[in-house]
Amino acid sequence: MRHYTTEVFIVDSGADITSIKKEIFDLLELEYNSSTKISNAAGKDYKRLTALVQIETPFGESKDIEVVV
């Protein structure tokens, strides 16, 4: 069953990837898609699971993006 919810996010247009809270991942009953390596500001690397989510912008554009959970 497909779930829809509206959440407000701050968009960092300089970020390499977007992240979502685990609570939202669980609420939407998403499935993990893959994994990726991310680095923090100190340069430490972490492996994190990712999911595909569909987003809609205020301009009515809709697209699937990969997010870190």
Protein backbone atom coordinates (compact mmCIF):
# COMPACT_ATOMS: atom_id res chain seq x y z
CA MET A 1 0.00 0.00 0.00
CA ARG A 2 1.38 3.40 -0.95
CA HIS A 3 1.41 6.05 1.76
CA TYR A 4 1.43 9.79 1.27
CA THR A 5 2.41 12.38 3.81
CA THR A 6 3.45 15.99 3.72
CA GLU A 7 6.62 17.01 5.48
CA VAL A 8 8.49 20.30 5.32
CA PHE A 9 12.23 20.15 4.77
CA ILE A 10 15.04 22.64 4.50
CA VAL A 11 16.89 22.05 1.26
CA ASP A 12 20.67 22.39 1.20
CA SER A 13 21.33 22.92 -2.50
CA GLY A 14 25.07 22.38 -1.93
CA ALA A 15 24.63 18.94 -0.36
CA ASP A 16 25.71 15.82 -2.22
CA ILE A 17 22.80 13.74 -0.89
CA THR A 18 19.63 14.27 1.17
CA SER A 19 18.80 12.51 4.42
CA ILE A 20 15.57 11.70 6.21
CA LYS A 21 14.86 10.68 9.79
CA LYS A 22 14.35 7.00 10.54
CA GLU A 23 10.91 7.91 11.97
CA ILE A 24 9.78 9.20 8.56
CA PHE A 25 11.26 6.14 6.84
CA ASP A 26 9.21 3.94 9.20
CA LEU A 27 6.05 6.07 8.88
CA LEU A 28 6.10 5.76 5.09
CA GLU A 29 6.94 2.06 5.26
CA LEU A 30 9.81 2.57 2.83
CA GLU A 31 12.25 -0.15 1.86
CA TYR A 32 16.01 0.12 1.80
CA ASN A 33 17.32 0.44 -1.72
CA SER A 34 21.09 0.41 -1.44
CA SER A 35 23.92 1.82 0.66
CA THR A 36 26.40 4.63 0.25
CA LYS A 37 29.49 6.02 1.93
CA ILE A 38 29.14 9.45 3.52
CA SER A 39 31.72 11.61 5.28
CA ASN A 40 31.24 14.05 8.13
CA ALA A 41 32.89 17.48 8.38
CA ALA A 42 35.91 15.93 10.12
CA GLY A 43 36.44 13.55 7.21
CA LYS A 44 35.29 10.36 8.97
CA ASP A 45 33.55 7.93 6.59
CA TYR A 46 30.34 6.05 7.39
CA LYS A 47 28.37 3.46 5.43
CA ARG A 48 24.63 4.27 5.47
CA LEU A 49 21.54 2.61 4.00
CA THR A 50 19.54 4.49 1.38
CA ALA A 51 15.94 4.50 0.13
CA LEU A 52 14.12 5.92 -2.89
CA VAL A 53 11.46 8.53 -2.11
CA GLN A 54 9.23 10.59 -4.34
CA ILE A 55 9.30 14.31 -3.69
CA GLU A 56 7.17 17.11 -5.03
CA THR A 57 8.47 20.67 -5.11
CA PRO A 58 6.32 23.75 -4.49
CA PHE A 59 6.45 24.21 -8.27
CA GLY A 60 4.59 20.94 -8.88
CA GLU A 61 7.64 18.99 -10.08
CA SER A 62 7.79 15.40 -8.93
CA LYS A 63 10.81 13.11 -8.96
CA ASP A 64 12.31 10.09 -7.23
CA ILE A 65 15.47 10.75 -5.24
CA GLU A 66 17.80 8.55 -3.23
CA VAL A 67 18.05 9.54 0.43
CA VAL A 68 20.20 8.45 3.34
CA VAL A 69 18.15 7.10 6.23
